[in-house]
Amino acid sequence: MMKPLHILLDEDNEGDILLTREAFEKAKIPIILSMGKDEKEAIDFLIKAGNHQGANLPDMRIPYVNMPKKNGHKVLQFIQGNENLHHIPVIMFITASSQKHINLPYRQYDNYYITKPPEVDDFIGVAATIENFWVFIARLTNKRNNYNDKR
């Protein structure tokens, strides 16, 4: 059996959280879905602060750019500047599809920009594509030694 893909989802909308979980389940992709309901909570998860002191680093991060408290782009800059975190692949979900919104995540070293699909069936296709690329084609880093993750 394939090891579950650990995803940190930065999302504050309960409906979108449910949609994401359901899409991965329907695509039969084993995942561990950790949540950052706002960008502060996502950063706390990544640096193992607050309620997340025992957390394992995720294999990838899927942020939504319009989060409460802090802008997703500013948090991405923080993460990319942190030597212990910048190896984690980022797939940015954005609802807008203007060229301005597409260009900014790439300039900040996101691995991919994806327009967030509104329907479960479309999201299942996105989930399957994420799994296919990041699990079977690309190789995720195994750099967890600084945090002593045991997975």
N, C-alpha and C. Protein backbone atom coordinates (compact mmCIF):
# COMPACT_ATOMS: atom_id res chain seq x y z
N MET A 1 0.83 -1.18 0.00
CA MET A 1 0.00 0.00 0.00
C MET A 1 0.88 1.25 0.00
N MET A 2 0.45 2.24 -0.75
CA MET A 2 1.20 3.48 -0.87
C MET A 2 1.11 4.30 0.42
N LYS A 3 2.23 4.90 0.81
CA LYS A 3 2.27 5.77 1.98
C LYS A 3 1.41 7.00 1.72
N PRO A 4 0.58 7.42 2.68
CA PRO A 4 -0.27 8.59 2.46
C PRO A 4 0.55 9.85 2.18
N LEU A 5 0.03 10.69 1.34
CA LEU A 5 0.62 11.97 1.02
C LEU A 5 0.14 12.96 2.08
N HIS A 6 1.08 13.56 2.82
CA HIS A 6 0.72 14.50 3.88
C HIS A 6 0.65 15.90 3.29
N ILE A 7 -0.56 16.48 3.31
CA ILE A 7 -0.80 17.80 2.72
C ILE A 7 -1.21 18.77 3.82
N LEU A 8 -0.57 19.93 3.83
CA LEU A 8 -1.02 21.02 4.68
C LEU A 8 -1.89 21.92 3.81
N LEU A 9 -3.18 21.94 4.10
CA LEU A 9 -4.13 22.75 3.36
C LEU A 9 -4.40 24.02 4.14
N ASP A 10 -4.07 25.17 3.55
CA ASP A 10 -4.35 26.47 4.16
C ASP A 10 -5.68 26.94 3.61
N GLU A 11 -6.73 26.73 4.37
CA GLU A 11 -8.08 27.05 3.89
C GLU A 11 -8.96 27.37 5.09
N ASP A 12 -9.76 28.43 4.98
CA ASP A 12 -10.65 28.83 6.06
C ASP A 12 -12.11 28.51 5.77
N ASN A 13 -12.43 28.14 4.56
CA ASN A 13 -13.81 27.87 4.17
C ASN A 13 -14.12 26.39 4.39
N GLU A 14 -15.05 26.11 5.31
CA GLU A 14 -15.39 24.72 5.65
C GLU A 14 -15.87 23.93 4.43
N GLY A 15 -16.62 24.58 3.54
CA GLY A 15 -17.10 23.91 2.33
C GLY A 15 -15.95 23.48 1.43
N ASP A 16 -14.93 24.35 1.29
CA ASP A 16 -13.78 24.01 0.46
C ASP A 16 -12.90 22.94 1.12
N ILE A 17 -12.85 22.94 2.44
CA ILE A 17 -12.12 21.88 3.15
C ILE A 17 -12.78 20.54 2.88
N LEU A 18 -14.10 20.51 3.00
CA LEU A 18 -14.86 19.29 2.73
C LEU A 18 -14.69 18.86 1.27
N LEU A 19 -14.75 19.82 0.36
CA LEU A 19 -14.57 19.54 -1.07
C LEU A 19 -13.20 18.91 -1.34
N THR A 20 -12.17 19.45 -0.72
CA THR A 20 -10.82 18.92 -0.91
C THR A 20 -10.71 17.50 -0.38
N ARG A 21 -11.17 17.30 0.84
CA ARG A 21 -11.11 15.96 1.45
C ARG A 21 -11.88 14.95 0.59
N GLU A 22 -13.09 15.33 0.17
CA GLU A 22 -13.93 14.45 -0.63
C GLU A 22 -13.30 14.13 -1.99
N ALA A 23 -12.67 15.13 -2.59
CA ALA A 23 -12.04 14.90 -3.90
C ALA A 23 -10.91 13.88 -3.80
N PHE A 24 -10.06 14.00 -2.78
CA PHE A 24 -8.97 13.04 -2.62
C PHE A 24 -9.50 11.65 -2.29
N GLU A 25 -10.56 11.58 -1.47
CA GLU A 25 -11.16 10.28 -1.14
C GLU A 25 -11.76 9.63 -2.37
N LYS A 26 -12.51 10.39 -3.17
CA LYS A 26 -13.15 9.83 -4.37
C LYS A 26 -12.12 9.44 -5.42
N ALA A 27 -10.97 10.13 -5.43
CA ALA A 27 -9.90 9.77 -6.35
C ALA A 27 -9.08 8.60 -5.80
N LYS A 28 -9.47 8.11 -4.61
CA LYS A 28 -8.80 6.98 -3.94
C LYS A 28 -7.32 7.26 -3.69
N ILE A 29 -7.05 8.49 -3.25
CA ILE A 29 -5.68 8.91 -2.95
C ILE A 29 -5.53 8.94 -1.44
N PRO A 30 -4.65 8.11 -0.88
CA PRO A 30 -4.46 8.15 0.57
C PRO A 30 -3.71 9.41 0.98
N ILE A 31 -4.36 10.22 1.83
CA ILE A 31 -3.74 11.46 2.29
C ILE A 31 -3.90 11.61 3.79
N ILE A 32 -3.00 12.38 4.34
CA ILE A 32 -3.15 12.94 5.67
C ILE A 32 -3.34 14.43 5.42
N LEU A 33 -4.49 14.96 5.80
CA LEU A 33 -4.80 16.36 5.54
C LEU A 33 -4.71 17.14 6.83
N SER A 34 -3.69 17.97 6.94
CA SER A 34 -3.54 18.87 8.08
C SER A 34 -4.05 20.23 7.66
N MET A 35 -4.56 20.97 8.63
CA MET A 35 -5.22 22.22 8.32
C MET A 35 -4.50 23.42 8.92
N GLY A 36 -4.50 24.50 8.14
CA GLY A 36 -4.15 25.82 8.63
C GLY A 36 -5.33 26.71 8.30
N LYS A 37 -6.20 26.94 9.27
CA LYS A 37 -7.44 27.69 9.00
C LYS A 37 -7.17 29.16 8.72
N ASP A 38 -6.01 29.66 9.10
CA ASP A 38 -5.56 30.98 8.70
C ASP A 38 -4.04 30.87 8.55
N GLU A 39 -3.44 31.89 8.00
CA GLU A 39 -2.01 31.80 7.70
C GLU A 39 -1.15 31.73 8.97
N LYS A 40 -1.58 32.33 10.07
CA LYS A 40 -0.82 32.19 11.31
C LYS A 40 -0.80 30.74 11.76
N GLU A 41 -1.96 30.08 11.68
CA GLU A 41 -2.02 28.68 12.07
C GLU A 41 -1.16 27.82 11.14
N ALA A 42 -1.14 28.14 9.85
CA ALA A 42 -0.31 27.39 8.91
C ALA A 42 1.18 27.54 9.25
N ILE A 43 1.59 28.76 9.57
CA ILE A 43 2.99 28.99 9.95
C ILE A 43 3.30 28.26 11.26
N ASP A 44 2.39 28.35 12.22
CA ASP A 44 2.60 27.62 13.48
C ASP A 44 2.78 26.13 13.22
N PHE A 45 1.98 25.58 12.30
CA PHE A 45 2.10 24.16 11.97
C PHE A 45 3.49 23.87 11.41
N LEU A 46 3.95 24.71 10.49
CA LEU A 46 5.24 24.47 9.83
C LEU A 46 6.44 24.65 10.75
N ILE A 47 6.33 25.57 11.70
CA ILE A 47 7.46 25.78 12.62
C ILE A 47 7.24 25.08 13.95
N LYS A 48 6.16 24.29 14.02
CA LYS A 48 5.86 23.48 15.20
C LYS A 48 5.70 24.32 16.45
N ALA A 49 4.88 25.36 16.32
CA ALA A 49 4.63 26.26 17.44
C ALA A 49 3.18 26.12 17.89
N GLY A 50 2.88 26.67 19.07
CA GLY A 50 1.51 26.66 19.56
C GLY A 50 0.97 25.25 19.72
N ASN A 51 -0.20 24.99 19.15
CA ASN A 51 -0.85 23.69 19.26
C ASN A 51 -0.24 22.63 18.34
N HIS A 52 0.79 22.97 17.60
CA HIS A 52 1.35 22.06 16.60
C HIS A 52 2.78 21.62 16.93
N GLN A 53 3.14 21.58 18.20
CA GLN A 53 4.51 21.28 18.59
C GLN A 53 4.97 19.88 18.20
N GLY A 54 4.08 18.93 18.08
CA GLY A 54 4.47 17.57 17.71
C GLY A 54 4.19 17.23 16.25
N ALA A 55 3.84 18.22 15.45
CA ALA A 55 3.42 17.97 14.07
C ALA A 55 4.59 17.51 13.19
N ASN A 56 4.28 16.62 12.25
CA ASN A 56 5.25 16.24 11.22
C ASN A 56 5.13 17.23 10.07
N LEU A 57 6.24 17.55 9.44
CA LEU A 57 6.20 18.42 8.26
C LEU A 57 5.40 17.74 7.16
N PRO A 58 4.65 18.52 6.40
CA PRO A 58 3.89 17.93 5.30
C PRO A 58 4.78 17.64 4.11
N ASP A 59 4.29 16.76 3.22
CA ASP A 59 4.99 16.50 1.96
C ASP A 59 4.80 17.64 0.98
N MET A 60 3.65 18.33 1.08
CA MET A 60 3.39 19.49 0.24
C MET A 60 2.41 20.40 0.94
N ARG A 61 2.34 21.61 0.43
CA ARG A 61 1.45 22.62 1.01
C ARG A 61 0.55 23.14 -0.10
N ILE A 62 -0.75 23.19 0.19
CA ILE A 62 -1.71 23.75 -0.75
C ILE A 62 -2.37 24.95 -0.06
N PRO A 63 -1.85 26.15 -0.33
CA PRO A 63 -2.45 27.34 0.28
C PRO A 63 -3.49 27.97 -0.65
N TYR A 64 -4.41 28.65 -0.03
CA TYR A 64 -5.34 29.50 -0.75
C TYR A 64 -4.86 30.92 -0.49
N VAL A 65 -4.70 31.71 -1.53
CA VAL A 65 -4.03 33.00 -1.41
C VAL A 65 -4.79 33.99 -0.53
N ASN A 66 -6.10 33.97 -0.52
CA ASN A 66 -6.88 34.96 0.24
C ASN A 66 -7.28 34.41 1.60
N MET A 67 -6.34 34.41 2.52
CA MET A 67 -6.59 33.91 3.87
C MET A 67 -6.77 35.08 4.83
N PRO A 68 -7.51 34.84 5.92
CA PRO A 68 -7.63 35.90 6.92
C PRO A 68 -6.31 36.10 7.67
N LYS A 69 -6.14 37.24 8.25
CA LYS A 69 -5.00 37.66 9.07
C LYS A 69 -3.77 38.01 8.25
N LYS A 70 -3.25 37.11 7.42
CA LYS A 70 -2.06 37.39 6.63
C LYS A 70 -2.31 36.95 5.20
N ASN A 71 -1.76 37.70 4.26
CA ASN A 71 -1.88 37.35 2.86
C ASN A 71 -1.03 36.13 2.56
N GLY A 72 -1.56 35.20 1.76
CA GLY A 72 -0.85 33.97 1.42
C GLY A 72 0.51 34.22 0.77
N HIS A 73 0.63 35.31 0.01
CA HIS A 73 1.91 35.61 -0.64
C HIS A 73 2.97 35.99 0.39
N LYS A 74 2.59 36.73 1.43
CA LYS A 74 3.56 37.13 2.45
C LYS A 74 4.03 35.91 3.25
N VAL A 75 3.12 34.99 3.51
CA VAL A 75 3.49 33.77 4.22
C VAL A 75 4.42 32.92 3.35
N LEU A 76 4.14 32.88 2.06
CA LEU A 76 5.01 32.14 1.15
C LEU A 76 6.43 32.71 1.18
N GLN A 77 6.55 34.02 1.24
CA GLN A 77 7.87 34.64 1.34
C GLN A 77 8.57 34.21 2.64
N PHE A 78 7.83 34.16 3.74
CA PHE A 78 8.39 33.70 5.01
C PHE A 78 8.91 32.27 4.87
N ILE A 79 8.11 31.41 4.29
CA ILE A 79 8.48 30.00 4.16
C ILE A 79 9.68 29.82 3.23
N GLN A 80 9.68 30.54 2.12
CA GLN A 80 10.80 30.41 1.18
C GLN A 80 12.10 30.93 1.78
N GLY A 81 12.00 31.83 2.75
CA GLY A 81 13.20 32.35 3.42
C GLY A 81 13.66 31.49 4.58
N ASN A 82 12.93 30.43 4.90
CA ASN A 82 13.27 29.56 6.02
C ASN A 82 13.94 28.30 5.47
N GLU A 83 15.19 28.12 5.79
CA GLU A 83 15.97 26.99 5.26
C GLU A 83 15.36 25.63 5.58
N ASN A 84 14.64 25.53 6.69
CA ASN A 84 14.03 24.26 7.08
C ASN A 84 12.70 23.99 6.39
N LEU A 85 12.18 24.98 5.65
CA LEU A 85 10.85 24.83 5.06
C LEU A 85 10.80 24.99 3.55
N HIS A 86 11.77 25.66 2.95
CA HIS A 86 11.63 26.02 1.54
C HIS A 86 11.67 24.83 0.59
N HIS A 87 11.97 23.65 1.08
CA HIS A 87 11.99 22.45 0.23
C HIS A 87 10.59 21.87 0.01
N ILE A 88 9.61 22.32 0.77
CA ILE A 88 8.26 21.76 0.67
C ILE A 88 7.58 22.32 -0.58
N PRO A 89 7.14 21.47 -1.50
CA PRO A 89 6.47 21.96 -2.71
C PRO A 89 5.17 22.69 -2.36
N VAL A 90 4.88 23.73 -3.13
CA VAL A 90 3.69 24.54 -2.92
C VAL A 90 2.86 24.55 -4.19
N ILE A 91 1.58 24.24 -4.05
CA ILE A 91 0.62 24.34 -5.15
C ILE A 91 -0.42 25.35 -4.70
N MET A 92 -0.36 26.56 -5.24
CA MET A 92 -1.23 27.65 -4.82
C MET A 92 -2.59 27.55 -5.50
N PHE A 93 -3.65 27.54 -4.71
CA PHE A 93 -5.02 27.59 -5.24
C PHE A 93 -5.48 29.05 -5.24
N ILE A 94 -5.95 29.51 -6.38
CA ILE A 94 -6.43 30.87 -6.53
C ILE A 94 -7.75 30.81 -7.28
N THR A 95 -8.74 31.59 -6.84
CA THR A 95 -10.01 31.60 -7.55
C THR A 95 -9.97 32.51 -8.76
N ALA A 96 -9.20 33.60 -8.70
CA ALA A 96 -9.08 34.50 -9.85
C ALA A 96 -8.11 33.92 -10.86
N SER A 97 -8.32 34.22 -12.11
CA SER A 97 -7.42 33.68 -13.13
C SER A 97 -6.82 34.76 -14.00
N SER A 98 -6.68 35.99 -13.46
CA SER A 98 -6.04 37.04 -14.23
C SER A 98 -4.54 36.78 -14.30
N GLN A 99 -3.89 37.32 -15.30
CA GLN A 99 -2.45 37.11 -15.47
C GLN A 99 -1.68 37.63 -14.27
N LYS A 100 -2.15 38.72 -13.66
CA LYS A 100 -1.50 39.27 -12.46
C LYS A 100 -1.50 38.24 -11.34
N HIS A 101 -2.63 37.57 -11.13
CA HIS A 101 -2.72 36.57 -10.08
C HIS A 101 -1.91 35.32 -10.41
N ILE A 102 -1.72 35.05 -11.67
CA ILE A 102 -0.92 33.89 -12.08
C ILE A 102 0.57 34.17 -11.91
N ASN A 103 1.01 35.37 -12.28
CA ASN A 103 2.44 35.69 -12.27
C ASN A 103 3.02 35.77 -10.86
N LEU A 104 2.30 36.35 -9.91
CA LEU A 104 2.84 36.56 -8.57
C LEU A 104 3.27 35.27 -7.88
N PRO A 105 2.43 34.23 -7.86
CA PRO A 105 2.90 33.00 -7.18
C PRO A 105 4.16 32.42 -7.81
N TYR A 106 4.29 32.48 -9.13
CA TYR A 106 5.48 31.93 -9.77
C TYR A 106 6.72 32.75 -9.41
N ARG A 107 6.57 34.06 -9.29
CA ARG A 107 7.72 34.88 -8.90
C ARG A 107 8.14 34.59 -7.47
N GLN A 108 7.21 34.07 -6.67
CA GLN A 108 7.53 33.77 -5.28
C GLN A 108 7.85 32.29 -5.08
N TYR A 109 8.16 31.61 -6.15
CA TYR A 109 8.64 30.23 -6.11
C TYR A 109 7.59 29.19 -5.77
N ASP A 110 6.32 29.48 -6.01
CA ASP A 110 5.35 28.40 -5.94
C ASP A 110 5.73 27.40 -7.01
N ASN A 111 5.45 26.14 -6.76
CA ASN A 111 5.70 25.14 -7.77
C ASN A 111 4.61 25.17 -8.84
N TYR A 112 3.37 25.44 -8.43
CA TYR A 112 2.27 25.46 -9.38
C TYR A 112 1.18 26.39 -8.92
N TYR A 113 0.48 26.92 -9.86
CA TYR A 113 -0.71 27.73 -9.63
C TYR A 113 -1.88 26.97 -10.24
N ILE A 114 -2.95 26.81 -9.49
CA ILE A 114 -4.12 26.09 -9.99
C ILE A 114 -5.36 26.92 -9.65
N THR A 115 -6.24 27.12 -10.64
CA THR A 115 -7.52 27.74 -10.36
C THR A 115 -8.34 26.72 -9.58
N LYS A 116 -8.83 27.13 -8.43
CA LYS A 116 -9.56 26.22 -7.56
C LYS A 116 -10.88 25.82 -8.23
N PRO A 117 -11.07 24.54 -8.53
CA PRO A 117 -12.32 24.11 -9.16
C PRO A 117 -13.48 24.14 -8.16
N PRO A 118 -14.65 24.62 -8.59
CA PRO A 118 -15.78 24.74 -7.67
C PRO A 118 -16.58 23.46 -7.48
N GLU A 119 -16.45 22.51 -8.37
CA GLU A 119 -17.26 21.29 -8.32
C GLU A 119 -16.41 20.09 -7.91
N VAL A 120 -17.02 19.15 -7.19
CA VAL A 120 -16.32 17.96 -6.70
C VAL A 120 -15.71 17.17 -7.86
N ASP A 121 -16.47 16.95 -8.93
CA ASP A 121 -15.96 16.15 -10.05
C ASP A 121 -14.72 16.77 -10.67
N ASP A 122 -14.71 18.10 -10.82
CA ASP A 122 -13.53 18.78 -11.35
C ASP A 122 -12.37 18.68 -10.38
N PHE A 123 -12.68 18.78 -9.08
CA PHE A 123 -11.65 18.73 -8.06
C PHE A 123 -11.02 17.33 -7.98
N ILE A 124 -11.82 16.30 -8.24
CA ILE A 124 -11.29 14.93 -8.26
C ILE A 124 -10.20 14.82 -9.32
N GLY A 125 -10.43 15.41 -10.48
CA GLY A 125 -9.43 15.40 -11.55
C GLY A 125 -8.16 16.12 -11.12
N VAL A 126 -8.31 17.25 -10.44
CA VAL A 126 -7.15 18.00 -9.95
C VAL A 126 -6.39 17.15 -8.92
N ALA A 127 -7.11 16.53 -8.00
CA ALA A 127 -6.48 15.70 -6.97
C ALA A 127 -5.71 14.55 -7.61
N ALA A 128 -6.30 13.90 -8.60
CA ALA A 128 -5.62 12.79 -9.28
C ALA A 128 -4.38 13.27 -10.01
N THR A 129 -4.45 14.46 -10.60
CA THR A 129 -3.29 15.02 -11.29
C THR A 129 -2.17 15.35 -10.31
N ILE A 130 -2.54 15.92 -9.16
CA ILE A 130 -1.54 16.22 -8.12
C ILE A 130 -0.85 14.93 -7.68
N GLU A 131 -1.64 13.90 -7.42
CA GLU A 131 -1.06 12.63 -6.99
C GLU A 131 -0.17 12.05 -8.08
N ASN A 132 -0.67 12.02 -9.30
CA ASN A 132 0.09 11.42 -10.40
C ASN A 132 1.44 12.11 -10.55
N PHE A 133 1.44 13.43 -10.56
CA PHE A 133 2.70 14.14 -10.75
C PHE A 133 3.62 14.02 -9.54
N TRP A 134 3.11 14.36 -8.34
CA TRP A 134 3.98 14.46 -7.16
C TRP A 134 4.31 13.12 -6.53
N VAL A 135 3.54 12.08 -6.81
CA VAL A 135 3.83 10.77 -6.22
C VAL A 135 4.52 9.84 -7.21
N PHE A 136 4.08 9.87 -8.48
CA PHE A 136 4.60 8.90 -9.44
C PHE A 136 5.63 9.46 -10.41
N ILE A 137 5.60 10.74 -10.69
CA ILE A 137 6.54 11.31 -11.67
C ILE A 137 7.67 12.04 -10.96
N ALA A 138 7.34 13.11 -10.25
CA ALA A 138 8.36 13.86 -9.51
C ALA A 138 8.68 13.10 -8.22
N ARG A 139 9.75 13.45 -7.61
CA ARG A 139 10.11 12.84 -6.33
C ARG A 139 10.09 13.93 -5.27
N LEU A 140 9.29 13.70 -4.22
CA LEU A 140 9.25 14.64 -3.12
C LEU A 140 10.51 14.48 -2.28
N THR A 141 10.97 15.58 -1.73
CA THR A 141 12.17 15.53 -0.91
C THR A 141 11.90 14.72 0.36
N ASN A 142 12.93 14.17 0.88
CA ASN A 142 12.82 13.41 2.12
C ASN A 142 13.54 14.18 3.23
N LYS A 143 13.64 15.50 3.06
CA LYS A 143 14.38 16.34 3.99
C LYS A 143 13.53 16.63 5.22
N ARG A 144 13.66 15.78 6.21
CA ARG A 144 12.92 15.98 7.45
C ARG A 144 13.85 15.88 8.65
N ASN A 145 15.13 15.73 8.41
CA ASN A 145 16.06 15.46 9.50
C ASN A 145 16.17 16.59 10.51
N ASN A 146 15.92 17.83 10.09
CA ASN A 146 16.02 18.94 11.03
C ASN A 146 14.89 18.93 12.05
N TYR A 147 13.83 18.21 11.77
CA TYR A 147 12.69 18.19 12.65
C TYR A 147 12.47 16.80 13.26
N ASN A 148 13.32 15.86 12.95
CA ASN A 148 13.23 14.51 13.49
C ASN A 148 11.85 13.89 13.27
N ASP A 149 11.29 14.12 12.08
CA ASP A 149 10.00 13.51 11.77
C ASP A 149 10.16 12.02 11.60
N LYS A 150 9.22 11.29 12.14
CA LYS A 150 9.25 9.83 12.03
C LYS A 150 7.96 9.39 11.37
N ARG A 151 8.02 9.22 10.05
CA ARG A 151 6.84 8.77 9.31
C ARG A 151 7.17 7.50 8.59
